[in-house]
Protein backbone atom coordinates (compact mmCIF):
# COMPACT_ATOMS: atom_id res chain seq x y z
CA MET A 1 0.00 0.00 0.00
CA SER A 2 1.22 3.47 -0.82
CA SER A 3 2.84 5.51 1.96
CA ASP A 4 0.92 8.56 0.73
CA PRO A 5 -1.43 9.44 3.64
CA VAL A 6 -4.47 9.67 1.37
CA GLY A 7 -3.61 7.62 -1.71
CA PRO A 8 -1.77 9.11 -4.71
CA TRP A 9 -4.28 8.15 -7.40
CA LEU A 10 -6.71 10.74 -6.04
CA GLY A 11 -4.30 13.65 -6.42
CA ASP A 12 -4.99 14.37 -10.08
CA PRO A 13 -8.70 14.99 -10.74
CA GLY A 14 -8.35 13.75 -14.32
CA PRO A 15 -10.59 14.43 -17.35
CA ASP A 16 -14.13 15.60 -16.54
CA GLY A 17 -13.02 15.73 -12.92
CA ASP A 18 -15.85 18.09 -11.99
CA VAL A 19 -18.29 15.20 -12.45
CA VAL A 20 -16.28 11.97 -12.66
CA VAL A 21 -14.22 11.40 -9.53
CA SER A 22 -12.78 8.05 -10.55
CA VAL A 23 -13.27 4.96 -12.69
CA ARG A 24 -12.84 1.36 -11.58
CA VAL A 25 -12.68 -1.74 -13.75
CA ARG A 26 -13.03 -5.05 -11.92
CA LEU A 27 -12.65 -8.58 -13.25
CA ALA A 28 -14.02 -11.70 -11.55
CA ARG A 29 -11.89 -14.80 -12.02
CA ASN A 30 -11.76 -18.25 -10.41
CA LEU A 31 -9.03 -20.87 -10.37
CA ALA A 32 -9.73 -24.09 -12.23
CA GLY A 33 -9.75 -27.13 -9.97
CA PHE A 34 -11.07 -25.35 -6.86
CA PRO A 35 -14.69 -24.99 -5.72
CA PHE A 36 -16.17 -21.49 -5.53
CA VAL A 37 -15.38 -19.61 -2.33
CA TRP A 38 -18.80 -20.18 -0.80
CA ARG A 39 -18.41 -23.93 -1.24
CA ALA A 40 -14.72 -24.24 -0.40
CA THR A 41 -13.47 -25.46 2.97
CA ASP A 42 -11.05 -23.37 5.00
CA THR A 43 -8.30 -25.79 3.93
CA GLN A 44 -9.10 -25.17 0.27
CA ARG A 45 -9.32 -21.40 0.82
CA SER A 46 -5.93 -21.48 2.52
CA GLU A 47 -4.52 -23.34 -0.46
CA ILE A 48 -5.97 -20.70 -2.80
CA VAL A 49 -4.35 -17.93 -0.73
CA ARG A 50 -1.01 -19.77 -0.70
CA THR A 51 -1.14 -20.44 -4.43
CA VAL A 52 -2.09 -16.88 -5.35
CA THR A 53 0.50 -15.21 -3.12
CA GLN A 54 3.29 -17.46 -4.40
CA ARG A 55 2.45 -17.31 -8.09
CA GLY A 56 1.09 -13.78 -7.90
CA SER A 57 4.42 -12.55 -6.54
CA LEU A 58 6.09 -14.01 -9.63
CA ALA A 59 3.48 -12.69 -12.06
CA CYS A 60 3.31 -9.21 -10.48
CA PRO A 61 6.54 -8.69 -8.50
CA GLU A 62 5.76 -5.01 -7.92
CA MET A 63 2.63 -5.82 -5.90
CA SER A 64 2.66 -6.42 -2.15
CA TRP A 65 0.51 -9.22 -0.75
CA HIS A 66 -1.15 -9.01 2.65
CA THR A 67 -2.98 -11.75 4.55
CA LEU A 68 -6.04 -10.24 6.18
CA GLY A 69 -5.59 -12.15 9.41
CA GLU A 70 -2.26 -10.39 9.92
CA CYS A 71 -3.55 -6.88 9.12
CA PRO A 72 -4.57 -4.63 12.04
CA PRO A 73 -8.12 -3.24 11.91
CA SER A 74 -6.76 0.25 11.25
CA LYS A 75 -5.06 -0.91 8.06
CA LEU A 76 -8.15 -2.79 6.91
CA GLY A 77 -10.19 0.37 7.37
CA ILE A 78 -7.78 2.33 5.20
CA LEU A 79 -8.03 -0.29 2.44
CA VAL A 80 -11.83 -0.01 2.43
CA GLU A 81 -11.76 3.80 2.45
CA ARG A 82 -9.40 3.79 -0.53
CA HIS A 83 -11.75 1.41 -2.38
CA LEU A 84 -8.94 -1.14 -2.66
CA VAL A 85 -11.11 -3.80 -1.01
CA SER A 86 -14.84 -4.12 -0.38
CA GLN A 87 -16.59 -3.92 2.96
CA GLN A 88 -17.93 -7.42 2.35
CA PHE A 89 -14.36 -8.69 1.88
CA ILE A 90 -13.27 -7.27 5.24
CA ALA A 91 -16.35 -8.60 7.05
CA ALA A 92 -16.12 -12.14 5.61
CA ASP A 93 -14.67 -15.16 7.40
CA GLY A 94 -11.97 -17.56 6.35
CA PRO A 95 -8.50 -17.21 4.79
CA ARG A 96 -8.20 -14.14 2.57
CA CYS A 97 -5.47 -11.89 1.24
CA VAL A 98 -5.06 -8.86 -0.99
CA GLY A 99 -2.41 -7.75 -3.46
CA ILE A 100 -1.84 -4.01 -3.83
CA ALA A 101 0.14 -2.00 -6.38
CA PRO A 102 2.72 0.47 -5.00
CA ASP A 103 0.64 3.47 -6.09
CA ASP A 104 -2.72 1.95 -5.02
CA SER A 105 -3.88 2.03 -8.64
CA CYS A 106 -4.57 -1.71 -8.75
CA SER A 107 -5.51 -4.43 -6.29
CA VAL A 108 -6.44 -8.12 -6.22
CA MET A 109 -8.84 -9.45 -3.59
CA VAL A 110 -8.37 -13.17 -2.96
CA ASN A 111 -11.35 -15.18 -1.68
CA GLU A 112 -13.94 -12.45 -1.78
CA GLU A 113 -17.02 -13.65 -3.70
CA ASP A 114 -14.71 -15.16 -6.32
CA HIS A 115 -11.20 -16.50 -5.95
CA LEU A 116 -9.82 -13.35 -7.59
CA ARG A 117 -11.32 -9.90 -7.86
CA ILE A 118 -8.86 -7.98 -10.05
CA GLN A 119 -9.37 -4.24 -10.18
CA ALA A 120 -7.78 -1.07 -11.50
CA LEU A 121 -8.61 2.50 -10.43
CA ARG A 122 -7.91 5.80 -12.14
CA PRO A 123 -8.94 9.39 -11.35
CA GLY A 124 -11.39 11.21 -13.61
CA ASN A 125 -12.99 9.94 -16.79
CA ARG A 126 -10.30 7.48 -17.84
CA VAL A 127 -12.41 4.46 -18.75
CA ALA A 128 -10.14 3.24 -21.55
CA ASP A 129 -6.94 3.64 -19.51
CA THR A 130 -8.47 1.86 -16.53
CA PHE A 131 -9.81 -0.91 -18.75
CA THR A 132 -6.34 -1.44 -20.24
CA ALA A 133 -4.68 -1.49 -16.81
CA ALA A 134 -7.13 -4.10 -15.49
CA LEU A 135 -6.68 -6.36 -18.53
CA GLU A 136 -2.89 -6.06 -18.32
CA LEU A 137 -2.97 -7.11 -14.67
CA GLU A 138 -5.30 -9.99 -15.49
CA SER A 139 -3.03 -11.06 -18.34
CA SER A 140 -0.01 -11.12 -16.01
CA LEU A 141 -1.88 -13.30 -13.53
CA ALA A 142 -3.25 -15.54 -16.30
CA SER A 143 0.33 -16.40 -17.23
CA ARG A 144 0.59 -18.20 -13.88
CA PHE A 145 -2.96 -19.47 -13.36
CA ASP A 146 -5.54 -21.57 -15.17
CA PHE A 147 -8.83 -19.68 -14.86
CA ALA A 148 -12.17 -21.52 -14.84
CA TYR A 149 -13.64 -21.01 -18.32
CA HIS A 150 -16.45 -22.55 -20.37
CA GLU A 151 -16.48 -22.38 -24.16
CA ARG A 152 -20.15 -21.37 -24.21
CA TRP A 153 -20.57 -19.39 -20.99
CA GLY A 154 -17.18 -17.70 -20.72
CA PHE A 155 -15.49 -17.13 -17.36
CA LEU A 156 -17.27 -19.03 -14.59
CA THR A 157 -18.12 -16.99 -11.51
CA ALA A 158 -19.80 -17.51 -8.14
CA CYS A 159 -22.64 -15.15 -9.04
CA PRO A 160 -24.46 -15.80 -12.35
CA THR A 161 -24.62 -12.04 -13.05
CA ASN A 162 -20.83 -12.02 -13.54
CA VAL A 163 -20.65 -15.06 -15.86
CA GLY A 164 -19.25 -14.29 -19.31
CA CYS A 165 -16.59 -11.63 -19.59
CA GLY A 166 -16.77 -11.16 -15.80
CA ILE A 167 -16.07 -7.45 -16.07
CA ARG A 168 -17.64 -4.66 -14.04
CA ILE A 169 -16.96 -1.07 -15.10
CA SER A 170 -18.00 1.61 -12.64
CA ALA A 171 -17.65 5.37 -12.49
CA MET A 172 -17.82 7.34 -9.25
CA MET A 173 -19.79 10.44 -10.22
CA HIS A 174 -20.66 13.63 -8.37
CA LEU A 175 -24.24 14.54 -9.35
CA PRO A 176 -25.43 17.30 -7.00
CA ALA A 177 -27.37 19.23 -9.65
CA LEU A 178 -29.32 16.19 -10.83
CA ARG A 179 -30.27 15.43 -7.24
CA MET A 180 -31.18 19.08 -6.43
CA TYR A 181 -33.28 19.38 -9.60
CA LYS A 182 -34.98 16.05 -8.83
CA GLU A 183 -33.75 14.44 -12.03
CA LEU A 184 -32.16 11.39 -10.43
CA ASP A 185 -35.28 9.27 -10.62
CA ARG A 186 -35.32 9.82 -14.37
CA VAL A 187 -31.63 8.88 -14.53
CA LYS A 188 -32.26 5.71 -12.52
CA ARG A 189 -35.13 4.67 -14.80
CA ALA A 190 -32.97 5.20 -17.86
CA ALA A 191 -30.11 3.31 -16.19
CA LYS A 192 -32.38 0.34 -15.54
CA ASP A 193 -33.39 0.24 -19.21
CA LEU A 194 -29.70 0.26 -20.15
CA ASN A 195 -28.89 -2.55 -17.68
CA LEU A 196 -26.92 -0.20 -15.46
CA ALA A 197 -26.82 -0.07 -11.67
CA ILE A 198 -26.60 3.11 -9.62
CA ARG A 199 -25.24 2.47 -6.14
CA GLY A 200 -23.91 4.33 -3.12
CA PHE A 201 -20.46 5.61 -2.21
CA TYR A 202 -19.02 2.18 -1.38
CA GLY A 203 -20.89 0.23 -4.05
CA GLU A 204 -23.49 -2.49 -3.60
CA GLY A 205 -25.51 -2.19 -0.41
CA SER A 206 -24.00 1.15 0.60
CA GLU A 207 -25.68 4.50 1.12
CA THR A 208 -25.42 7.60 -1.04
CA VAL A 209 -22.95 10.11 0.42
CA ALA A 210 -22.71 13.81 -0.53
CA ASP A 211 -24.35 13.22 -3.95
CA PHE A 212 -21.71 10.69 -5.01
CA TYR A 213 -23.01 7.72 -7.00
CA GLN A 214 -21.38 4.66 -8.54
CA VAL A 215 -22.70 3.86 -12.00
CA SER A 216 -21.85 0.40 -13.34
CA ASN A 217 -22.87 -2.22 -15.88
CA GLN A 218 -24.98 -5.20 -14.84
CA ILE A 219 -24.71 -7.46 -17.90
CA THR A 220 -21.58 -9.52 -18.56
CA LEU A 221 -22.93 -12.55 -20.44
CA GLY A 222 -22.84 -12.39 -24.23
CA VAL A 223 -21.02 -9.07 -24.23
CA ALA A 224 -17.47 -8.58 -25.52
CA GLU A 225 -15.16 -6.74 -23.13
CA ALA A 226 -14.17 -4.17 -25.75
CA ASP A 227 -17.80 -3.48 -26.68
CA LEU A 228 -18.73 -2.96 -23.05
CA MET A 229 -15.83 -0.58 -22.54
CA GLY A 230 -16.71 1.34 -25.70
CA THR A 231 -20.34 1.76 -24.69
CA PHE A 232 -19.40 2.93 -21.22
CA SER A 233 -16.67 5.34 -22.30
CA GLU A 234 -18.32 6.73 -25.44
CA ARG A 235 -22.00 6.83 -24.50
CA ILE A 236 -22.89 6.31 -20.85
CA VAL A 237 -20.31 8.39 -18.98
CA PRO A 238 -20.22 11.30 -21.48
CA ARG A 239 -24.02 11.54 -21.46
CA LEU A 240 -24.18 11.64 -17.66
CA VAL A 241 -21.43 14.27 -17.57
CA GLU A 242 -23.33 16.36 -20.11
CA TYR A 243 -26.63 15.96 -18.25
CA GLU A 244 -25.13 17.01 -14.91
CA ARG A 245 -23.43 20.06 -16.44
CA GLU A 246 -26.58 21.11 -18.26
CA THR A 247 -28.55 20.84 -15.02
CA ARG A 248 -25.96 22.92 -13.18
CA ALA A 249 -26.43 25.67 -15.75
CA VAL A 250 -30.21 25.50 -15.35
CA LEU A 251 -29.89 25.70 -11.57
CA LEU A 252 -27.70 28.78 -11.81
CA GLU A 253 -30.11 30.44 -14.17
CA ASN A 254 -33.27 29.66 -12.20
CA ARG A 255 -32.12 29.29 -8.59
CA ARG A 256 -28.88 31.22 -8.32
CA MET A 257 -29.58 32.66 -4.88
CA GLN A 258 -30.42 29.26 -3.40
CA VAL A 259 -27.35 27.67 -4.99
CA GLU A 260 -25.02 30.43 -3.78
CA ASP A 261 -26.48 30.24 -0.28
CA LEU A 262 -26.00 26.46 -0.22
CA VAL A 263 -22.33 26.73 -1.19
CA VAL A 264 -21.39 29.78 0.88
CA ARG A 265 -23.17 28.39 3.95
CA ALA A 266 -21.25 25.11 3.55
CA LEU A 267 -17.94 26.98 3.32
CA ALA A 268 -18.75 29.04 6.42
CA ILE A 269 -19.60 25.95 8.46
CA LEU A 270 -16.49 24.07 7.33
CA GLN A 271 -14.21 27.02 8.16
CA CYS A 272 -15.76 27.65 11.58
CA ALA A 273 -17.09 24.36 12.93
CA ARG A 274 -15.39 22.92 16.00
CA LEU A 275 -17.12 19.53 15.75
CA LEU A 276 -17.94 17.70 12.52
CA THR A 277 -19.53 14.33 12.01
CA LEU A 278 -18.39 12.40 8.97
CA GLU A 279 -21.85 12.78 7.43
CA ASP A 280 -21.84 16.57 7.82
CA ALA A 281 -18.25 16.97 6.69
CA MET A 282 -18.88 14.95 3.53
CA LYS A 283 -22.13 16.78 2.80
CA PHE A 284 -20.57 20.23 3.09
CA LEU A 285 -17.38 19.26 1.23
CA GLY A 286 -19.61 17.92 -1.55
CA ARG A 287 -21.29 21.31 -1.74
CA LEU A 288 -17.90 23.01 -1.76
CA ARG A 289 -16.89 20.79 -4.65
CA PHE A 290 -20.08 21.82 -6.42
CA GLY A 291 -19.14 25.46 -5.79
CA ILE A 292 -15.78 24.93 -7.49
CA SER A 293 -17.50 23.48 -10.56
CA ILE A 294 -19.74 26.54 -11.02
CA GLY A 295 -16.96 29.07 -10.41
CA LEU A 296 -18.27 30.21 -7.03
CA VAL A 297 -15.35 28.93 -4.93
CA GLN A 298 -11.74 30.08 -5.30
CA ASN A 299 -8.38 28.81 -3.98
CA ALA A 300 -9.53 25.20 -4.01
CA THR A 301 -9.28 22.39 -6.54
CA PHE A 302 -11.21 19.18 -7.16
CA GLY A 303 -8.11 17.17 -6.31
CA GLN A 304 -7.72 18.98 -3.01
CA ILE A 305 -11.34 18.32 -2.00
CA ASN A 306 -11.20 14.70 -3.18
CA ARG A 307 -8.17 14.04 -1.03
CA LEU A 308 -9.63 15.88 1.93
CA MET A 309 -12.77 13.73 1.72
CA LEU A 310 -10.56 10.69 2.05
CA ALA A 311 -8.39 12.19 4.79
CA ILE A 312 -11.40 12.69 7.09
CA GLN A 313 -12.61 9.09 6.85
CA PRO A 314 -12.29 7.34 10.24
CA ALA A 315 -9.28 5.10 9.52
CA HIS A 316 -7.35 7.80 7.66
CA LEU A 317 -8.14 10.34 10.35
CA ALA A 318 -6.83 8.01 13.04
CA ALA A 319 -3.69 7.25 11.03
CA SER A 320 -3.04 10.95 10.46
CA ALA A 321 -3.43 11.71 14.16
CA ALA A 322 -1.08 8.87 15.09
CA ALA A 323 1.53 10.11 12.63
CA GLY A 324 1.11 13.74 13.65
CA SER A 325 0.84 14.72 9.99
CA THR A 326 -0.41 18.10 8.78
CA SER A 327 -1.04 19.81 5.49
CA GLU A 328 1.43 22.27 4.06
CA THR A 329 1.15 25.52 5.99
CA ASN A 330 3.42 27.92 7.91
CA ALA A 331 5.14 26.97 11.16
CA ALA A 332 2.83 28.98 13.42
CA GLU A 333 -0.27 27.38 11.89
CA VAL A 334 1.31 23.94 12.28
CA ARG A 335 1.93 24.55 16.00
CA ASP A 336 -1.59 25.89 16.53
CA ILE A 337 -3.32 23.05 14.73
CA ARG A 338 -1.21 20.35 16.39
CA ALA A 339 -2.04 21.81 19.79
CA GLU A 340 -5.71 21.83 18.88
CA ILE A 341 -5.60 18.28 17.56
CA ALA A 342 -3.71 17.12 20.64
CA SER A 343 -6.40 18.53 22.88
CA ALA A 344 -9.28 17.16 20.79
CA GLU A 345 -11.55 14.92 22.83
CA SER A 346 -13.11 13.12 19.90
CA ASP A 347 -12.88 12.35 16.22
CA LEU A 348 -15.44 15.11 15.68
CA ALA A 349 -13.01 17.77 16.87
CA LEU A 350 -10.09 16.21 15.00
CA ARG A 351 -12.09 16.06 11.78
CA ALA A 352 -13.22 19.68 12.12
CA ALA A 353 -9.67 20.86 12.80
CA THR A 354 -8.33 18.93 9.82
CA VAL A 355 -10.91 20.48 7.51
CA ARG A 356 -10.43 24.04 8.84
CA MET A 357 -6.70 23.83 8.30
CA ALA A 358 -7.02 22.42 4.78
CA ILE A 359 -9.48 25.07 3.51
CA ALA A 360 -8.34 28.07 5.52
CA ASN A 361 -7.55 30.07 2.37
CA VAL A 362 -10.63 29.07 0.37
CA THR A 363 -12.98 31.92 -0.53
CA ALA A 364 -16.33 32.35 -2.29
CA ASN A 365 -17.67 35.10 -4.55
């Protein structure tokens, strides 16, 4: 895992970064000769972990492999918050491990729902680049493994919805205008007709946070990987980006005062609050991000807000406090904020102090 306190792949907002925070491409693969995870014994799962770590180290020598039983809870929390592993993976029982690229741009979950969940992440609207990275990682692993494959059905997976190419492409999108203008129900209906799923911040089963939504394909059987990637990168994501931007323009034209009040109020709270829950901090940072996109907020970037949203998550916040890390600022500010953090009685105070320091110079028109 990267030593960067908030994950380097979030630093660059990437193309269409005002709407598309990141893209993930995930491949489900299983090893021939082993039962699916839900049917495998602990002995068989242990053998899968041993096989993958040994051969995976040869196939991908740059990746580090971590057995979950040996990882402290704080590290597991960071992996979830960086979207390198799923919440279900952390909560499951039995032998499991994860392989992670040095820059956190790729990971491999071993013994999640399938034997291997191979994924690549990139900031912004980089569907094609992310798709290529995931397939390259899969190809490296395939050189050492025999994946379960059927001539008619394609790659065999634990869940029938992943059978076929076994690929899931998802885009994390910030859609505040569509939600404010009550257009999301229309988007969800259209998504259903296109066999797309719209999920929460952490994917399946998670809640929506600060108007962030994960949009992903649902069909993998009978679809070529390249065709799926082309549809997602050339039609689905661009249309959603266009729709959100158009709605932002309509909001500014018809409800400018309400929009400005929403953003400026959020900035005021973030710069003055002494206690912040995670829910409130994310909500107001989401509004600040919206303010940047419409030109209302200055001295802040999408990358800065993206990284701050990660830095205030519970596991990252605890790690930052333990390391005594601070953002770049002058020596007097560093002393003041460290004293304040040291005296904080709860995560609420620590989170508020972290946010105030990070956006101290942010202004609004």
